Amino acid sequence: MSTYVQLHILTSYPPSNLNRDDLGRPKTAKMGGFDRLRISSQSLKRHWRTSDLFTTAMSGKMGTRTKRYGREVADSLIAAGVAEKKANTWATAIAGAFGKGKKDSLDIEQLAHISPEEQVATMDLVKKLAADDRAPTDLELALLKKEQTGVDIALFGRMLASSPGFNVEAACQVAHALSVHSVVIEDDYFTAVDDLNDGKEDSGSAHIGESGFAAALFYSNVCINKSLLVENLGGDDKLANRALQALTEAVVKISPKGKQNSFGSRAYASYVLAEIGEQQPRSLSVAFLNPVSDTDMLQSAIEAMSRQVSNFDKVYGDCADNRYHLNAYSGEGSFAELQKFVAQ
């Protein structure tokens, strides 16, 4: 049986535009027949994975996500004394080990997430090819993908249809964050003034624009299959626990960057419920199918979520072996204890 770590988070954001749609307005979704503010899971994962908190905690264990790996390899071969034409041909073959290449290009067609070990193995091969003045063999190219312990890859996976041997199943699943209440997107009408315009001849603004925004209390859910995470990391339990703690810190502290300079809407999680067990995971979003509308919205949301936990347990039996909650609204619990809990 797999062991799961689940995080259920409530985070309140002031007026903001954290994650925009194709028209530049805040993303939304309908739930329970009402419009909700939404932050996509892609946006959340991207900001967690690339945050200073996460990359510093996981320094040396992070992969690189790129289409341009062939360019880096070619530059390294040329720097090692290989003629440009040969370098480009060999680099194309090496990059091709991580995905199908574009025609007449060093780039590959899809983003490839390349682990630290794979990057080291590539540079070792570059040195060998330059010293021997020869092209890479099929066996050498296959061995480039023999091992990987990139924490970001182990958590969020990687998939490349043209190179299935490169695939890693994600140990972490992230739901789209949705507001626990209904929302109406508002418009911010703004102007910009020309600093060199003294207003004597033209008192108008130099620029006029509009920007959508809304404020919301979001529920978000993160589920990590810890057993799969350990497997993805080659059985390294200590590294898996470090990864869980680093991810937990990013989840509760890191905000999406959309329009941050305009709205200054950074926020920490106000409430976190962490669960550990071998039971099948489940979201608590049904607690907010009926939008929260009380004036004390955060407390009402916490109570609704707690009732849903209790009701699931009554109907299905205990849905977790252990639980820990942090409530920054009332000052209960501590982040340090939360980190210890997820790594137990």
Protein backbone atom coordinates (compact mmCIF):
# COMPACT_ATOMS: atom_id res chain seq x y z
CA MET A 1 0.00 0.00 0.00
CA SER A 2 1.13 3.54 -0.73
CA THR A 3 1.42 6.17 1.97
CA TYR A 4 -0.15 9.52 1.13
CA VAL A 5 0.46 12.98 2.53
CA GLN A 6 -2.43 15.37 1.90
CA LEU A 7 -2.48 19.13 2.46
CA HIS A 8 -5.76 21.05 2.60
CA ILE A 9 -5.10 24.79 2.57
CA LEU A 10 -7.12 27.98 3.02
CA THR A 11 -5.37 31.14 1.81
CA SER A 12 -6.87 34.62 1.70
CA TYR A 13 -5.76 37.09 -0.97
CA PRO A 14 -6.70 40.79 -1.08
CA PRO A 15 -7.69 42.37 -4.42
CA SER A 16 -5.41 40.77 -7.01
CA ASN A 17 -5.05 39.21 -10.44
CA LEU A 18 -2.86 36.22 -9.59
CA ASN A 19 -3.52 34.03 -12.64
CA ARG A 20 -4.83 35.55 -15.86
CA ASP A 21 -6.86 34.10 -18.73
CA ASP A 22 -6.34 34.86 -22.43
CA LEU A 23 -8.06 38.23 -21.99
CA GLY A 24 -5.89 39.24 -19.06
CA ARG A 25 -8.69 38.81 -16.51
CA PRO A 26 -8.52 36.61 -13.39
CA LYS A 27 -9.26 32.95 -14.14
CA THR A 28 -12.61 31.61 -12.92
CA ALA A 29 -14.58 28.37 -12.76
CA LYS A 30 -18.16 27.44 -11.94
CA MET A 31 -18.76 25.22 -8.91
CA GLY A 32 -22.11 24.60 -7.25
CA GLY A 33 -23.68 26.87 -9.86
CA PHE A 34 -21.63 29.90 -8.80
CA ASP A 35 -18.64 31.69 -10.32
CA ARG A 36 -15.45 31.12 -8.32
CA LEU A 37 -12.04 32.68 -8.60
CA ARG A 38 -9.44 30.14 -9.74
CA ILE A 39 -5.68 29.67 -9.70
CA SER A 40 -4.58 26.89 -12.05
CA SER A 41 -2.52 23.99 -10.75
CA GLN A 42 0.06 24.73 -13.46
CA SER A 43 0.55 28.23 -12.08
CA LEU A 44 0.81 26.98 -8.49
CA LYS A 45 3.33 24.25 -9.31
CA ARG A 46 5.47 26.54 -11.47
CA HIS A 47 5.77 29.16 -8.74
CA TRP A 48 6.45 26.60 -6.00
CA ARG A 49 9.06 24.75 -8.07
CA THR A 50 10.97 27.86 -9.12
CA SER A 51 10.70 29.75 -5.82
CA ASP A 52 13.84 30.71 -3.90
CA LEU A 53 12.52 28.75 -0.91
CA PHE A 54 12.26 25.49 -2.83
CA THR A 55 15.35 25.81 -5.03
CA THR A 56 17.53 26.79 -2.07
CA ALA A 57 16.26 23.92 0.08
CA MET A 58 16.78 21.47 -2.79
CA SER A 59 20.02 22.95 -4.13
CA GLY A 60 21.94 20.41 -6.23
CA LYS A 61 18.87 18.19 -6.57
CA MET A 62 16.90 20.22 -9.10
CA GLY A 63 16.44 19.47 -12.79
CA THR A 64 16.36 21.85 -15.75
CA ARG A 65 13.26 22.17 -17.94
CA THR A 66 14.17 23.18 -21.49
CA LYS A 67 13.85 22.64 -25.23
CA ARG A 68 17.32 24.08 -25.80
CA TYR A 69 19.52 21.37 -24.32
CA GLY A 70 21.19 20.72 -27.67
CA ARG A 71 22.50 24.28 -27.80
CA GLU A 72 24.18 23.91 -24.40
CA VAL A 73 25.73 20.59 -25.44
CA ALA A 74 26.97 22.00 -28.76
CA ASP A 75 28.56 24.99 -27.00
CA SER A 76 30.31 22.62 -24.56
CA LEU A 77 31.64 20.46 -27.41
CA ILE A 78 32.93 23.50 -29.30
CA ALA A 79 34.57 24.80 -26.11
CA ALA A 80 36.27 21.39 -25.80
CA GLY A 81 37.81 21.80 -29.25
CA VAL A 82 35.29 19.97 -31.49
CA ALA A 83 34.64 21.53 -34.89
CA GLU A 84 31.29 23.31 -35.09
CA LYS A 85 29.75 21.01 -37.72
CA LYS A 86 30.66 17.88 -35.75
CA ALA A 87 29.60 19.51 -32.49
CA ASN A 88 26.15 20.32 -33.85
CA THR A 89 25.67 16.80 -35.23
CA TRP A 90 26.75 15.12 -32.00
CA ALA A 91 24.76 17.57 -29.85
CA THR A 92 21.64 16.83 -31.90
CA ALA A 93 22.09 13.11 -31.17
CA ILE A 94 22.62 13.74 -27.45
CA ALA A 95 19.63 16.08 -27.15
CA GLY A 96 17.63 13.53 -29.13
CA ALA A 97 18.09 11.07 -26.26
CA PHE A 98 15.74 13.33 -24.29
CA GLY A 99 13.18 13.96 -27.01
CA LYS A 100 12.49 14.15 -30.72
CA GLY A 101 14.48 16.94 -32.34
CA LYS A 102 13.15 19.73 -34.55
CA LYS A 103 14.15 19.57 -38.20
CA ASP A 104 17.39 21.43 -38.90
CA SER A 105 17.60 22.56 -35.29
CA LEU A 106 19.50 21.75 -32.10
CA ASP A 107 16.25 22.16 -30.15
CA ILE A 108 13.84 19.35 -29.27
CA GLU A 109 10.11 19.56 -29.94
CA GLN A 110 8.85 19.37 -26.35
CA LEU A 111 10.11 20.70 -23.04
CA ALA A 112 12.32 18.07 -21.43
CA HIS A 113 12.97 18.00 -17.69
CA ILE A 114 16.59 16.91 -17.31
CA SER A 115 17.89 15.77 -13.93
CA PRO A 116 21.21 16.80 -12.31
CA GLU A 117 22.64 13.28 -12.86
CA GLU A 118 21.68 13.39 -16.53
CA GLN A 119 23.34 16.77 -16.93
CA VAL A 120 26.54 15.49 -15.28
CA ALA A 121 26.47 12.34 -17.45
CA THR A 122 26.06 14.51 -20.55
CA MET A 123 29.04 16.70 -19.71
CA ASP A 124 31.15 13.59 -18.95
CA LEU A 125 30.20 12.22 -22.37
CA VAL A 126 31.07 15.56 -24.00
CA LYS A 127 34.59 15.35 -22.55
CA LYS A 128 34.97 11.76 -23.74
CA LEU A 129 33.77 12.50 -27.28
CA ALA A 130 36.06 15.51 -27.55
CA ALA A 131 39.05 13.48 -26.33
CA ASP A 132 38.32 10.56 -28.68
CA ASP A 133 37.13 12.76 -31.58
CA ARG A 134 34.15 10.53 -32.31
CA ALA A 135 30.35 10.52 -32.31
CA PRO A 136 28.34 9.06 -29.38
CA THR A 137 27.24 5.42 -29.56
CA ASP A 138 23.64 4.26 -29.08
CA LEU A 139 24.63 2.63 -25.77
CA GLU A 140 26.18 5.86 -24.48
CA LEU A 141 23.05 7.79 -25.41
CA ALA A 142 20.84 5.22 -23.64
CA LEU A 143 23.00 5.39 -20.49
CA LEU A 144 22.42 9.14 -20.22
CA LYS A 145 18.94 8.35 -18.82
CA LYS A 146 20.01 5.50 -16.56
CA GLU A 147 19.63 7.40 -13.27
CA GLN A 148 17.85 10.51 -12.02
CA THR A 149 17.15 11.91 -8.57
CA GLY A 150 15.85 15.36 -9.50
CA VAL A 151 13.45 16.27 -6.71
CA ASP A 152 11.26 18.43 -8.95
CA ILE A 153 11.02 15.59 -11.49
CA ALA A 154 10.20 13.05 -8.75
CA LEU A 155 7.43 15.29 -7.42
CA PHE A 156 5.90 16.67 -10.60
CA GLY A 157 6.91 14.01 -13.13
CA ARG A 158 7.91 14.31 -16.76
CA MET A 159 6.39 13.00 -19.94
CA LEU A 160 7.69 12.95 -23.48
CA ALA A 161 5.64 10.97 -25.99
CA SER A 162 8.56 10.56 -28.39
CA SER A 163 10.79 9.08 -25.68
CA PRO A 164 8.71 7.00 -23.20
CA GLY A 165 11.82 5.71 -21.42
CA PHE A 166 12.31 9.30 -20.25
CA ASN A 167 8.94 9.40 -18.45
CA VAL A 168 8.54 9.65 -14.67
CA GLU A 169 5.15 9.37 -12.96
CA ALA A 170 4.46 12.40 -10.76
CA ALA A 171 4.29 11.69 -7.03
CA CYS A 172 2.47 14.98 -6.38
CA GLN A 173 -1.03 15.90 -7.52
CA VAL A 174 -2.22 19.51 -7.24
CA ALA A 175 -5.81 20.70 -7.57
CA HIS A 176 -6.79 24.05 -9.01
CA ALA A 177 -7.33 26.47 -6.14
CA LEU A 178 -10.93 27.75 -6.00
CA SER A 179 -12.55 30.45 -3.91
CA VAL A 180 -14.82 29.08 -1.18
CA HIS A 181 -17.33 31.81 -2.04
CA SER A 182 -18.85 33.26 -5.19
CA VAL A 183 -17.06 36.19 -6.85
CA VAL A 184 -17.68 39.02 -9.27
CA ILE A 185 -14.66 40.24 -11.24
CA GLU A 186 -14.22 44.00 -10.88
CA ASP A 187 -12.36 46.40 -13.16
CA ASP A 188 -9.60 48.75 -12.09
CA TYR A 189 -9.63 51.85 -14.30
CA PHE A 190 -6.22 53.49 -14.14
CA THR A 191 -4.25 56.28 -15.76
CA ALA A 192 -0.59 57.19 -16.09
CA VAL A 193 0.71 60.75 -16.17
CA ASP A 194 3.62 62.02 -18.28
CA ASP A 195 6.24 63.40 -15.86
CA LEU A 196 7.37 66.02 -18.39
CA ASN A 197 3.85 67.32 -18.99
CA ASP A 198 3.40 70.45 -16.84
CA GLY A 199 -0.35 70.46 -17.50
CA LYS A 200 -0.41 73.98 -18.95
CA GLU A 201 -1.35 72.90 -22.46
CA ASP A 202 -2.56 69.32 -21.98
CA SER A 203 -3.95 68.22 -18.62
CA GLY A 204 -4.95 64.76 -19.81
CA SER A 205 -3.27 61.47 -18.91
CA ALA A 206 -0.62 59.84 -21.12
CA HIS A 207 -2.14 56.39 -20.78
CA ILE A 208 -5.51 54.90 -19.77
CA GLY A 209 -6.13 51.23 -19.06
CA GLU A 210 -8.26 48.67 -17.29
CA SER A 211 -7.28 45.62 -15.25
CA GLY A 212 -9.58 42.96 -13.81
CA PHE A 213 -9.24 41.95 -10.17
CA ALA A 214 -11.00 40.21 -7.30
CA ALA A 215 -10.36 39.24 -3.67
CA ALA A 216 -10.90 35.67 -2.49
CA LEU A 217 -10.37 33.02 0.16
CA PHE A 218 -9.06 29.97 -1.72
CA TYR A 219 -9.27 26.27 -0.89
CA SER A 220 -6.46 24.22 -2.40
CA ASN A 221 -5.54 20.57 -2.13
CA VAL A 222 -2.15 18.89 -2.59
CA CYS A 223 -1.67 15.12 -2.46
CA ILE A 224 1.75 13.45 -2.41
CA ASN A 225 2.19 9.71 -2.85
CA LYS A 226 5.16 9.41 -0.52
CA SER A 227 5.84 5.79 -1.50
CA LEU A 228 6.13 6.78 -5.16
CA LEU A 229 8.24 9.81 -4.23
CA VAL A 230 10.75 7.57 -2.43
CA GLU A 231 10.75 5.19 -5.42
CA ASN A 232 11.31 8.07 -7.86
CA LEU A 233 14.26 9.18 -5.73
CA GLY A 234 15.92 5.78 -5.86
CA GLY A 235 14.83 4.74 -2.35
CA ASP A 236 16.34 7.78 -0.63
CA ASP A 237 13.98 8.32 2.33
CA LYS A 238 15.93 11.25 3.74
CA LEU A 239 15.83 13.12 0.44
CA ALA A 240 12.10 12.37 0.11
CA ASN A 241 11.46 13.86 3.56
CA ARG A 242 13.52 16.94 2.72
CA ALA A 243 11.51 17.31 -0.48
CA LEU A 244 8.22 17.01 1.43
CA GLN A 245 9.28 19.69 3.88
CA ALA A 246 10.51 22.03 1.14
CA LEU A 247 7.32 21.56 -0.86
CA THR A 248 5.15 22.15 2.22
CA GLU A 249 6.94 25.43 2.91
CA ALA A 250 6.49 26.56 -0.69
CA VAL A 251 2.80 25.58 -0.67
CA VAL A 252 1.97 27.63 2.43
CA LYS A 253 4.21 30.64 1.73
CA ILE A 254 4.61 31.16 -2.02
CA SER A 255 2.06 33.22 -3.97
CA PRO A 256 1.60 33.32 -7.75
CA LYS A 257 3.33 36.34 -9.28
CA GLY A 258 0.53 37.62 -11.51
CA LYS A 259 0.24 41.43 -11.19
CA GLN A 260 2.16 41.38 -7.90
CA ASN A 261 3.73 44.78 -8.59
CA SER A 262 0.28 46.28 -9.13
CA PHE A 263 -1.54 44.63 -6.21
CA GLY A 264 1.11 43.52 -3.70
CA SER A 265 -1.02 40.47 -2.90
CA ARG A 266 1.46 38.07 -1.28
CA ALA A 267 -0.08 35.85 1.39
CA TYR A 268 0.70 32.96 3.73
CA ALA A 269 -1.82 30.17 4.26
CA SER A 270 -4.25 31.00 7.06
CA TYR A 271 -5.22 27.39 7.74
CA VAL A 272 -3.57 24.07 6.87
CA LEU A 273 -4.86 20.57 7.56
CA ALA A 274 -2.25 17.88 6.93
CA GLU A 275 -3.18 14.19 6.77
CA ILE A 276 -1.06 11.04 6.52
CA GLY A 277 -2.25 7.50 5.84
CA GLU A 278 -2.60 4.61 3.41
CA GLN A 279 -6.26 5.44 2.73
CA GLN A 280 -7.26 6.60 -0.74
CA PRO A 281 -7.00 10.40 -0.97
CA ARG A 282 -10.05 12.65 -1.32
CA SER A 283 -10.57 16.36 -1.75
CA LEU A 284 -12.58 18.41 0.75
CA SER A 285 -13.86 20.81 -1.92
CA VAL A 286 -17.41 19.49 -1.47
CA ALA A 287 -17.44 21.42 1.82
CA PHE A 288 -17.67 24.57 -0.33
CA LEU A 289 -20.17 23.38 -2.93
CA ASN A 290 -22.53 25.74 -1.16
CA PRO A 291 -20.61 29.04 -1.16
CA VAL A 292 -19.53 30.44 2.18
CA SER A 293 -21.28 33.76 2.75
CA ASP A 294 -20.81 34.57 6.45
CA THR A 295 -19.12 37.81 7.46
CA ASP A 296 -16.51 35.77 9.37
CA MET A 297 -15.65 33.91 6.19
CA LEU A 298 -12.39 32.25 7.22
CA GLN A 299 -13.79 30.82 10.46
CA SER A 300 -16.88 29.60 8.60
CA ALA A 301 -14.69 27.95 5.95
CA ILE A 302 -12.59 26.22 8.63
CA GLU A 303 -15.76 24.93 10.32
CA ALA A 304 -17.20 23.73 6.98
CA MET A 305 -13.98 21.87 6.17
CA SER A 306 -13.81 20.30 9.65
CA ARG A 307 -17.43 19.12 9.37
CA GLN A 308 -16.67 17.52 6.01
CA VAL A 309 -13.64 15.69 7.44
CA SER A 310 -15.84 14.34 10.26
CA ASN A 311 -18.64 13.34 7.90
CA PHE A 312 -16.29 11.49 5.54
CA ASP A 313 -14.88 9.61 8.54
CA LYS A 314 -18.38 8.71 9.75
CA VAL A 315 -19.41 7.29 6.38
CA TYR A 316 -16.17 5.69 5.13
CA GLY A 317 -14.23 5.08 8.34
CA ASP A 318 -11.09 6.99 9.22
CA CYS A 319 -9.76 8.62 6.04
CA ALA A 320 -6.32 9.26 7.57
CA ASP A 321 -4.11 7.67 10.23
CA ASN A 322 -2.80 10.98 11.57
CA ARG A 323 -3.74 14.64 11.23
CA TYR A 324 -2.20 17.96 12.14
CA HIS A 325 -3.64 21.43 11.68
CA LEU A 326 -2.15 24.90 11.71
CA ASN A 327 -4.43 27.88 12.25
CA ALA A 328 -2.74 31.24 11.74
CA TYR A 329 -6.12 32.96 12.20
CA SER A 330 -6.42 31.87 15.84
CA GLY A 331 -2.70 31.32 16.48
CA GLU A 332 -2.89 27.53 16.88
CA GLY A 333 -0.13 25.12 15.88
CA SER A 334 3.25 25.96 14.38
CA PHE A 335 4.89 25.72 11.00
CA ALA A 336 7.88 23.89 12.51
CA GLU A 337 5.55 21.17 13.84
CA LEU A 338 3.80 20.97 10.46
CA GLN A 339 7.14 20.30 8.76
CA LYS A 340 7.97 17.60 11.29
CA PHE A 341 4.57 16.02 10.75
CA VAL A 342 4.79 15.71 6.95
CA ALA A 343 8.25 14.10 7.24
CA GLN A 344 7.36 11.54 9.93
